[in-house]
Amino acid sequence: MDPEEIRWLAETTGLDVREVQEGFEKGDLRRKVVVDELLEAGLEGQELLELVIRLTGLSRAEAIRLIAAERATGEHEPEAPPTIA
């Protein structure tokens, strides 16, 4: 988010600018965790996109960008299903 928008939001809500910035940073981190967990669970395609949109509140374009960014890290391997011993 633009620093001017953060300043405006802080003034409008009576919060400290740092609090508003931290809130947005936490939100970004939470959205990344959602995508990370869905990718780790092996979700793909339209199902993945729809869940990211519903769970994060992002627009379709934003969700696509976030999924692409998380995939680009190369850290996401679907978890193997549990085995019965």
PDB file of N, CA and C in Angstrom:
ATOM      1  N   MET A   1       0.843  -1.173   0.000  1.00  0.00           N
ATOM      2  CA  MET A   1       0.000   0.000   0.000  1.00  0.00           C
ATOM      3  C   MET A   1       0.889   1.236   0.000  1.00  0.00           C
ATOM      4  N   ASP A   2       0.425   2.249  -0.671  1.00  0.00           N
ATOM      5  CA  ASP A   2       1.124   3.521  -0.805  1.00  0.00           C
ATOM      6  C   ASP A   2       1.268   4.205   0.569  1.00  0.00           C
ATOM      7  N   PRO A   3       2.430   4.771   0.862  1.00  0.00           N
ATOM      8  CA  PRO A   3       2.631   5.445   2.154  1.00  0.00           C
ATOM      9  C   PRO A   3       1.610   6.555   2.425  1.00  0.00           C
ATOM     10  N   GLU A   4       1.197   7.248   1.378  1.00  0.00           N
ATOM     11  CA  GLU A   4       0.175   8.292   1.551  1.00  0.00           C
ATOM     12  C   GLU A   4      -1.153   7.687   1.991  1.00  0.00           C
ATOM     13  N   GLU A   5      -1.500   6.542   1.403  1.00  0.00           N
ATOM     14  CA  GLU A   5      -2.747   5.872   1.784  1.00  0.00           C
ATOM     15  C   GLU A   5      -2.674   5.395   3.232  1.00  0.00           C
ATOM     16  N   ILE A   6      -1.518   4.900   3.628  1.00  0.00           N
ATOM     17  CA  ILE A   6      -1.342   4.451   5.014  1.00  0.00           C
ATOM     18  C   ILE A   6      -1.469   5.635   5.964  1.00  0.00           C
ATOM     19  N   ARG A   7      -0.843   6.756   5.611  1.00  0.00           N
ATOM     20  CA  ARG A   7      -0.939   7.949   6.448  1.00  0.00           C
ATOM     21  C   ARG A   7      -2.386   8.418   6.559  1.00  0.00           C
ATOM     22  N   TRP A   8      -3.087   8.446   5.414  1.00  0.00           N
ATOM     23  CA  TRP A   8      -4.492   8.861   5.415  1.00  0.00           C
ATOM     24  C   TRP A   8      -5.335   7.933   6.283  1.00  0.00           C
ATOM     25  N   LEU A   9      -5.114   6.636   6.134  1.00  0.00           N
ATOM     26  CA  LEU A   9      -5.876   5.670   6.912  1.00  0.00           C
ATOM     27  C   LEU A   9      -5.608   5.840   8.404  1.00  0.00           C
ATOM     28  N   ALA A  10      -4.355   6.077   8.759  1.00  0.00           N
ATOM     29  CA  ALA A  10      -4.005   6.289  10.167  1.00  0.00           C
ATOM     30  C   ALA A  10      -4.704   7.526  10.710  1.00  0.00           C
ATOM     31  N   GLU A  11      -4.674   8.608   9.949  1.00  0.00           N
ATOM     32  CA  GLU A  11      -5.339   9.840  10.387  1.00  0.00           C
ATOM     33  C   GLU A  11      -6.843   9.642  10.514  1.00  0.00           C
ATOM     34  N   THR A  12      -7.419   8.945   9.553  1.00  0.00           N
ATOM     35  CA  THR A  12      -8.870   8.741   9.529  1.00  0.00           C
ATOM     36  C   THR A  12      -9.339   7.858  10.683  1.00  0.00           C
ATOM     37  N   THR A  13      -8.543   6.872  11.033  1.00  0.00           N
ATOM     38  CA  THR A  13      -8.939   5.929  12.083  1.00  0.00           C
ATOM     39  C   THR A  13      -8.399   6.304  13.449  1.00  0.00           C
ATOM     40  N   GLY A  14      -7.497   7.282  13.498  1.00  0.00           N
ATOM     41  CA  GLY A  14      -6.913   7.678  14.771  1.00  0.00           C
ATOM     42  C   GLY A  14      -5.830   6.727  15.251  1.00  0.00           C
ATOM     43  N   LEU A  15      -5.336   5.872  14.366  1.00  0.00           N
ATOM     44  CA  LEU A  15      -4.268   4.940  14.720  1.00  0.00           C
ATOM     45  C   LEU A  15      -2.917   5.538  14.364  1.00  0.00           C
ATOM     46  N   ASP A  16      -1.889   4.979  14.964  1.00  0.00           N
ATOM     47  CA  ASP A  16      -0.530   5.359  14.648  1.00  0.00           C
ATOM     48  C   ASP A  16      -0.172   4.806  13.266  1.00  0.00           C
ATOM     49  N   VAL A  17       0.604   5.553  12.497  1.00  0.00           N
ATOM     50  CA  VAL A  17       1.008   5.121  11.164  1.00  0.00           C
ATOM     51  C   VAL A  17       1.710   3.765  11.242  1.00  0.00           C
ATOM     52  N   ARG A  18       2.547   3.577  12.249  1.00  0.00           N
ATOM     53  CA  ARG A  18       3.268   2.308  12.406  1.00  0.00           C
ATOM     54  C   ARG A  18       2.287   1.151  12.616  1.00  0.00           C
ATOM     55  N   GLU A  19       1.238   1.393  13.399  1.00  0.00           N
ATOM     56  CA  GLU A  19       0.222   0.344  13.634  1.00  0.00           C
ATOM     57  C   GLU A  19      -0.460  -0.064  12.333  1.00  0.00           C
ATOM     58  N   VAL A  20      -0.801   0.933  11.529  1.00  0.00           N
ATOM     59  CA  VAL A  20      -1.470   0.655  10.249  1.00  0.00           C
ATOM     60  C   VAL A  20      -0.536  -0.129   9.340  1.00  0.00           C
ATOM     61  N   GLN A  21       0.718   0.298   9.241  1.00  0.00           N
ATOM     62  CA  GLN A  21       1.697  -0.401   8.407  1.00  0.00           C
ATOM     63  C   GLN A  21       1.869  -1.839   8.880  1.00  0.00           C
ATOM     64  N   GLU A  22       2.004  -2.048  10.186  1.00  0.00           N
ATOM     65  CA  GLU A  22       2.158  -3.401  10.732  1.00  0.00           C
ATOM     66  C   GLU A  22       0.937  -4.258  10.440  1.00  0.00           C
ATOM     67  N   GLY A  23      -0.240  -3.655  10.479  1.00  0.00           N
ATOM     68  CA  GLY A  23      -1.461  -4.389  10.162  1.00  0.00           C
ATOM     69  C   GLY A  23      -1.458  -4.889   8.729  1.00  0.00           C
ATOM     70  N   PHE A  24      -1.022  -4.044   7.815  1.00  0.00           N
ATOM     71  CA  PHE A  24      -0.939  -4.465   6.412  1.00  0.00           C
ATOM     72  C   PHE A  24       0.119  -5.539   6.224  1.00  0.00           C
ATOM     73  N   GLU A  25       1.247  -5.411   6.924  1.00  0.00           N
ATOM     74  CA  GLU A  25       2.296  -6.420   6.824  1.00  0.00           C
ATOM     75  C   GLU A  25       1.815  -7.765   7.356  1.00  0.00           C
ATOM     76  N   LYS A  26       1.071  -7.752   8.465  1.00  0.00           N
ATOM     77  CA  LYS A  26       0.513  -9.002   9.001  1.00  0.00           C
ATOM     78  C   LYS A  26      -0.470  -9.611   8.014  1.00  0.00           C
ATOM     79  N   GLY A  27      -1.280  -8.770   7.398  1.00  0.00           N
ATOM     80  CA  GLY A  27      -2.234  -9.258   6.404  1.00  0.00           C
ATOM     81  C   GLY A  27      -1.534  -9.912   5.223  1.00  0.00           C
ATOM     82  N   ASP A  28      -0.464  -9.277   4.752  1.00  0.00           N
ATOM     83  CA  ASP A  28       0.312  -9.855   3.649  1.00  0.00           C
ATOM     84  C   ASP A  28       0.878 -11.209   4.041  1.00  0.00           C
ATOM     85  N   LEU A  29       1.436 -11.279   5.246  1.00  0.00           N
ATOM     86  CA  LEU A  29       2.007 -12.541   5.720  1.00  0.00           C
ATOM     87  C   LEU A  29       0.930 -13.618   5.834  1.00  0.00           C
ATOM     88  N   ARG A  30      -0.222 -13.265   6.360  1.00  0.00           N
ATOM     89  CA  ARG A  30      -1.312 -14.244   6.498  1.00  0.00           C
ATOM     90  C   ARG A  30      -1.765 -14.761   5.137  1.00  0.00           C
ATOM     91  N   ARG A  31      -1.869 -13.875   4.158  1.00  0.00           N
ATOM     92  CA  ARG A  31      -2.270 -14.318   2.821  1.00  0.00           C
ATOM     93  C   ARG A  31      -1.227 -15.261   2.231  1.00  0.00           C
ATOM     94  N   LYS A  32       0.056 -14.954   2.435  1.00  0.00           N
ATOM     95  CA  LYS A  32       1.113 -15.839   1.947  1.00  0.00           C
ATOM     96  C   LYS A  32       1.036 -17.208   2.614  1.00  0.00           C
ATOM     97  N   VAL A  33       0.737 -17.229   3.904  1.00  0.00           N
ATOM     98  CA  VAL A  33       0.618 -18.501   4.622  1.00  0.00           C
ATOM     99  C   VAL A  33      -0.540 -19.318   4.058  1.00  0.00           C
ATOM    100  N   VAL A  34      -1.651 -18.661   3.761  1.00  0.00           N
ATOM    101  CA  VAL A  34      -2.802 -19.363   3.183  1.00  0.00           C
ATOM    102  C   VAL A  34      -2.398 -20.024   1.871  1.00  0.00           C
ATOM    103  N   VAL A  35      -1.750 -19.273   0.995  1.00  0.00           N
ATOM    104  CA  VAL A  35      -1.341 -19.821  -0.295  1.00  0.00           C
ATOM    105  C   VAL A  35      -0.329 -20.948  -0.094  1.00  0.00           C
ATOM    106  N   ASP A  36       0.626 -20.731   0.792  1.00  0.00           N
ATOM    107  CA  ASP A  36       1.632 -21.750   1.081  1.00  0.00           C
ATOM    108  C   ASP A  36       0.975 -23.056   1.516  1.00  0.00           C
ATOM    109  N   GLU A  37       0.046 -22.983   2.431  1.00  0.00           N
ATOM    110  CA  GLU A  37      -0.620 -24.186   2.930  1.00  0.00           C
ATOM    111  C   GLU A  37      -1.435 -24.882   1.845  1.00  0.00           C
ATOM    112  N   LEU A  38      -2.109 -24.115   1.010  1.00  0.00           N
ATOM    113  CA  LEU A  38      -2.895 -24.714  -0.072  1.00  0.00           C
ATOM    114  C   LEU A  38      -1.988 -25.394  -1.094  1.00  0.00           C
ATOM    115  N   LEU A  39      -0.855 -24.760  -1.403  1.00  0.00           N
ATOM    116  CA  LEU A  39       0.096 -25.381  -2.327  1.00  0.00           C
ATOM    117  C   LEU A  39       0.696 -26.645  -1.718  1.00  0.00           C
ATOM    118  N   GLU A  40       1.045 -26.584  -0.458  1.00  0.00           N
ATOM    119  CA  GLU A  40       1.601 -27.758   0.224  1.00  0.00           C
ATOM    120  C   GLU A  40       0.598 -28.902   0.251  1.00  0.00           C
ATOM    121  N   ALA A  41      -0.683 -28.568   0.307  1.00  0.00           N
ATOM    122  CA  ALA A  41      -1.732 -29.590   0.312  1.00  0.00           C
ATOM    123  C   ALA A  41      -1.967 -30.175  -1.080  1.00  0.00           C
ATOM    124  N   GLY A  42      -1.286 -29.603  -2.084  1.00  0.00           N
ATOM    125  CA  GLY A  42      -1.394 -30.147  -3.427  1.00  0.00           C
ATOM    126  C   GLY A  42      -2.513 -29.577  -4.268  1.00  0.00           C
ATOM    127  N   LEU A  43      -3.152 -28.513  -3.800  1.00  0.00           N
ATOM    128  CA  LEU A  43      -4.227 -27.911  -4.584  1.00  0.00           C
ATOM    129  C   LEU A  43      -3.647 -27.199  -5.793  1.00  0.00           C
ATOM    130  N   GLU A  44      -4.386 -27.233  -6.882  1.00  0.00           N
ATOM    131  CA  GLU A  44      -3.926 -26.630  -8.127  1.00  0.00           C
ATOM    132  C   GLU A  44      -5.104 -26.064  -8.900  1.00  0.00           C
ATOM    133  N   GLY A  45      -4.771 -25.360  -9.955  1.00  0.00           N
ATOM    134  CA  GLY A  45      -5.764 -24.898 -10.914  1.00  0.00           C
ATOM    135  C   GLY A  45      -6.852 -24.025 -10.329  1.00  0.00           C
ATOM    136  N   GLN A  46      -8.041 -24.205 -10.887  1.00  0.00           N
ATOM    137  CA  GLN A  46      -9.189 -23.385 -10.521  1.00  0.00           C
ATOM    138  C   GLN A  46      -9.552 -23.532  -9.048  1.00  0.00           C
ATOM    139  N   GLU A  47      -9.425 -24.739  -8.521  1.00  0.00           N
ATOM    140  CA  GLU A  47      -9.743 -24.953  -7.099  1.00  0.00           C
ATOM    141  C   GLU A  47      -8.828 -24.114  -6.214  1.00  0.00           C
ATOM    142  N   LEU A  48      -7.538 -24.118  -6.520  1.00  0.00           N
ATOM    143  CA  LEU A  48      -6.578 -23.313  -5.764  1.00  0.00           C
ATOM    144  C   LEU A  48      -6.934 -21.835  -5.869  1.00  0.00           C
ATOM    145  N   LEU A  49      -7.160 -21.365  -7.079  1.00  0.00           N
ATOM    146  CA  LEU A  49      -7.478 -19.958  -7.295  1.00  0.00           C
ATOM    147  C   LEU A  49      -8.735 -19.541  -6.539  1.00  0.00           C
ATOM    148  N   GLU A  50      -9.783 -20.331  -6.629  1.00  0.00           N
ATOM    149  CA  GLU A  50     -11.037 -19.989  -5.952  1.00  0.00           C
ATOM    150  C   GLU A  50     -10.867 -19.953  -4.440  1.00  0.00           C
ATOM    151  N   LEU A  51     -10.126 -20.908  -3.894  1.00  0.00           N
ATOM    152  CA  LEU A  51      -9.907 -20.913  -2.443  1.00  0.00           C
ATOM    153  C   LEU A  51      -9.072 -19.719  -1.996  1.00  0.00           C
ATOM    154  N   VAL A  52      -8.055 -19.374  -2.764  1.00  0.00           N
ATOM    155  CA  VAL A  52      -7.239 -18.210  -2.408  1.00  0.00           C
ATOM    156  C   VAL A  52      -8.097 -16.951  -2.410  1.00  0.00           C
ATOM    157  N   ILE A  53      -8.927 -16.800  -3.413  1.00  0.00           N
ATOM    158  CA  ILE A  53      -9.811 -15.630  -3.492  1.00  0.00           C
ATOM    159  C   ILE A  53     -10.752 -15.599  -2.298  1.00  0.00           C
ATOM    160  N   ARG A  54     -11.389 -16.717  -2.006  1.00  0.00           N
ATOM    161  CA  ARG A  54     -12.359 -16.760  -0.895  1.00  0.00           C
ATOM    162  C   ARG A  54     -11.706 -16.573   0.461  1.00  0.00           C
ATOM    163  N   LEU A  55     -10.554 -17.181   0.672  1.00  0.00           N
ATOM    164  CA  LEU A  55      -9.924 -17.145   1.989  1.00  0.00           C
ATOM    165  C   LEU A  55      -9.140 -15.863   2.265  1.00  0.00           C
ATOM    166  N   THR A  56      -8.703 -15.172   1.212  1.00  0.00           N
ATOM    167  CA  THR A  56      -7.898 -13.975   1.419  1.00  0.00           C
ATOM    168  C   THR A  56      -8.629 -12.674   1.120  1.00  0.00           C
ATOM    169  N   GLY A  57      -9.696 -12.756   0.327  1.00  0.00           N
ATOM    170  CA  GLY A  57     -10.395 -11.540  -0.072  1.00  0.00           C
ATOM    171  C   GLY A  57      -9.710 -10.799  -1.207  1.00  0.00           C
ATOM    172  N   LEU A  58      -8.689 -11.416  -1.794  1.00  0.00           N
ATOM    173  CA  LEU A  58      -7.994 -10.785  -2.909  1.00  0.00           C
ATOM    174  C   LEU A  58      -8.832 -10.858  -4.176  1.00  0.00           C
ATOM    175  N   SER A  59      -8.550  -9.943  -5.092  1.00  0.00           N
ATOM    176  CA  SER A  59      -9.186 -10.013  -6.407  1.00  0.00           C
ATOM    177  C   SER A  59      -8.563 -11.180  -7.165  1.00  0.00           C
ATOM    178  N   ARG A  60      -9.170 -11.540  -8.276  1.00  0.00           N
ATOM    179  CA  ARG A  60      -8.647 -12.637  -9.094  1.00  0.00           C
ATOM    180  C   ARG A  60      -7.207 -12.355  -9.530  1.00  0.00           C
ATOM    181  N   ALA A  61      -6.949 -11.139 -10.031  1.00  0.00           N
ATOM    182  CA  ALA A  61      -5.606 -10.782 -10.498  1.00  0.00           C
ATOM    183  C   ALA A  61      -4.597 -10.814  -9.357  1.00  0.00           C
ATOM    184  N   GLU A  62      -4.978 -10.289  -8.198  1.00  0.00           N
ATOM    185  CA  GLU A  62      -4.070 -10.298  -7.045  1.00  0.00           C
ATOM    186  C   GLU A  62      -3.783 -11.723  -6.587  1.00  0.00           C
ATOM    187  N   ALA A  63      -4.806 -12.569  -6.597  1.00  0.00           N
ATOM    188  CA  ALA A  63      -4.633 -13.966  -6.186  1.00  0.00           C
ATOM    189  C   ALA A  63      -3.695 -14.695  -7.144  1.00  0.00           C
ATOM    190  N   ILE A  64      -3.853 -14.451  -8.425  1.00  0.00           N
ATOM    191  CA  ILE A  64      -2.985 -15.078  -9.421  1.00  0.00           C
ATOM    192  C   ILE A  64      -1.539 -14.646  -9.199  1.00  0.00           C
ATOM    193  N   ARG A  65      -1.327 -13.352  -8.949  1.00  0.00           N
ATOM    194  CA  ARG A  65       0.040 -12.855  -8.699  1.00  0.00           C
ATOM    195  C   ARG A  65       0.632 -13.479  -7.445  1.00  0.00           C
ATOM    196  N   LEU A  66      -0.168 -13.589  -6.384  1.00  0.00           N
ATOM    197  CA  LEU A  66       0.337 -14.163  -5.136  1.00  0.00           C
ATOM    198  C   LEU A  66       0.671 -15.639  -5.308  1.00  0.00           C
ATOM    199  N   ILE A  67      -0.173 -16.381  -5.980  1.00  0.00           N
ATOM    200  CA  ILE A  67       0.099 -17.806  -6.236  1.00  0.00           C
ATOM    201  C   ILE A  67       1.384 -17.950  -7.054  1.00  0.00           C
ATOM    202  N   ALA A  68       1.526 -17.139  -8.094  1.00  0.00           N
ATOM    203  CA  ALA A  68       2.731 -17.206  -8.932  1.00  0.00           C
ATOM    204  C   ALA A  68       3.979 -16.876  -8.117  1.00  0.00           C
ATOM    205  N   ALA A  69       3.893 -15.877  -7.261  1.00  0.00           N
ATOM    206  CA  ALA A  69       5.045 -15.486  -6.439  1.00  0.00           C
ATOM    207  C   ALA A  69       5.426 -16.604  -5.468  1.00  0.00           C
ATOM    208  N   GLU A  70       4.429 -17.231  -4.868  1.00  0.00           N
ATOM    209  CA  GLU A  70       4.718 -18.321  -3.929  1.00  0.00           C
ATOM    210  C   GLU A  70       5.291 -19.531  -4.659  1.00  0.00           C
ATOM    211  N   ARG A  71       4.763 -19.840  -5.837  1.00  0.00           N
ATOM    212  CA  ARG A  71       5.300 -20.965  -6.615  1.00  0.00           C
ATOM    213  C   ARG A  71       6.743 -20.693  -7.035  1.00  0.00           C
ATOM    214  N   ALA A  72       7.045 -19.439  -7.334  1.00  0.00           N
ATOM    215  CA  ALA A  72       8.382 -19.066  -7.797  1.00  0.00           C
ATOM    216  C   ALA A  72       9.456 -19.291  -6.739  1.00  0.00           C
ATOM    217  N   THR A  73       9.059 -19.392  -5.487  1.00  0.00           N
ATOM    218  CA  THR A  73      10.049 -19.626  -4.433  1.00  0.00           C
ATOM    219  C   THR A  73      10.625 -21.034  -4.537  1.00  0.00           C
ATOM    220  N   GLY A  74       9.906 -21.944  -5.190  1.00  0.00           N
ATOM    221  CA  GLY A  74      10.368 -23.321  -5.343  1.00  0.00           C
ATOM    222  C   GLY A  74      10.311 -24.131  -4.066  1.00  0.00           C
ATOM    223  N   GLU A  75       9.622 -23.625  -3.069  1.00  0.00           N
ATOM    224  CA  GLU A  75       9.577 -24.280  -1.757  1.00  0.00           C
ATOM    225  C   GLU A  75       8.340 -25.146  -1.553  1.00  0.00           C
ATOM    226  N   HIS A  76       7.552 -25.342  -2.566  1.00  0.00           N
ATOM    227  CA  HIS A  76       6.266 -25.995  -2.365  1.00  0.00           C
ATOM    228  C   HIS A  76       6.174 -27.346  -3.040  1.00  0.00           C
ATOM    229  N   GLU A  77       6.285 -28.339  -2.252  1.00  0.00           N
ATOM    230  CA  GLU A  77       6.090 -29.713  -2.706  1.00  0.00           C
ATOM    231  C   GLU A  77       4.825 -30.218  -2.026  1.00  0.00           C
ATOM    232  N   PRO A  78       3.902 -30.771  -2.779  1.00  0.00           N
ATOM    233  CA  PRO A  78       2.714 -31.317  -2.118  1.00  0.00           C
ATOM    234  C   PRO A  78       3.112 -32.367  -1.089  1.00  0.00           C
ATOM    235  N   GLU A  79       2.420 -32.331   0.038  1.00  0.00           N
ATOM    236  CA  GLU A  79       2.693 -33.297   1.084  1.00  0.00           C
ATOM    237  C   GLU A  79       2.223 -34.673   0.648  1.00  0.00           C
ATOM    238  N   ALA A  80       2.986 -35.672   0.992  1.00  0.00           N
ATOM    239  CA  ALA A  80       2.573 -37.046   0.692  1.00  0.00           C
ATOM    240  C   ALA A  80       1.400 -37.392   1.601  1.00  0.00           C
ATOM    241  N   PRO A  81       0.447 -38.152   1.075  1.00  0.00           N
ATOM    242  CA  PRO A  81      -0.677 -38.555   1.929  1.00  0.00           C
ATOM    243  C   PRO A  81      -0.170 -39.441   3.062  1.00  0.00           C
ATOM    244  N   PRO A  82      -0.838 -39.389   4.203  1.00  0.00           N
ATOM    245  CA  PRO A  82      -0.412 -40.242   5.313  1.00  0.00           C
ATOM    246  C   PRO A  82      -0.504 -41.728   4.939  1.00  0.00           C
ATOM    247  N   THR A  83       0.389 -42.488   5.455  1.00  0.00           N
ATOM    248  CA  THR A  83       0.355 -43.932   5.197  1.00  0.00           C
ATOM    249  C   THR A  83      -0.122 -44.650   6.443  1.00  0.00           C
ATOM    250  N   ILE A  84      -0.750 -45.767   6.208  1.00  0.00           N
ATOM    251  CA  ILE A  84      -1.215 -46.601   7.333  1.00  0.00           C
ATOM    252  C   ILE A  84      -0.147 -47.630   7.610  1.00  0.00           C
ATOM    253  N   ALA A  85       0.333 -47.618   8.823  1.00  0.00           N
ATOM    254  CA  ALA A  85       1.418 -48.543   9.190  1.00  0.00           C
ATOM    255  C   ALA A  85       0.899 -49.902   9.562  1.00  0.00           C
TER     256      ALA A  85
END
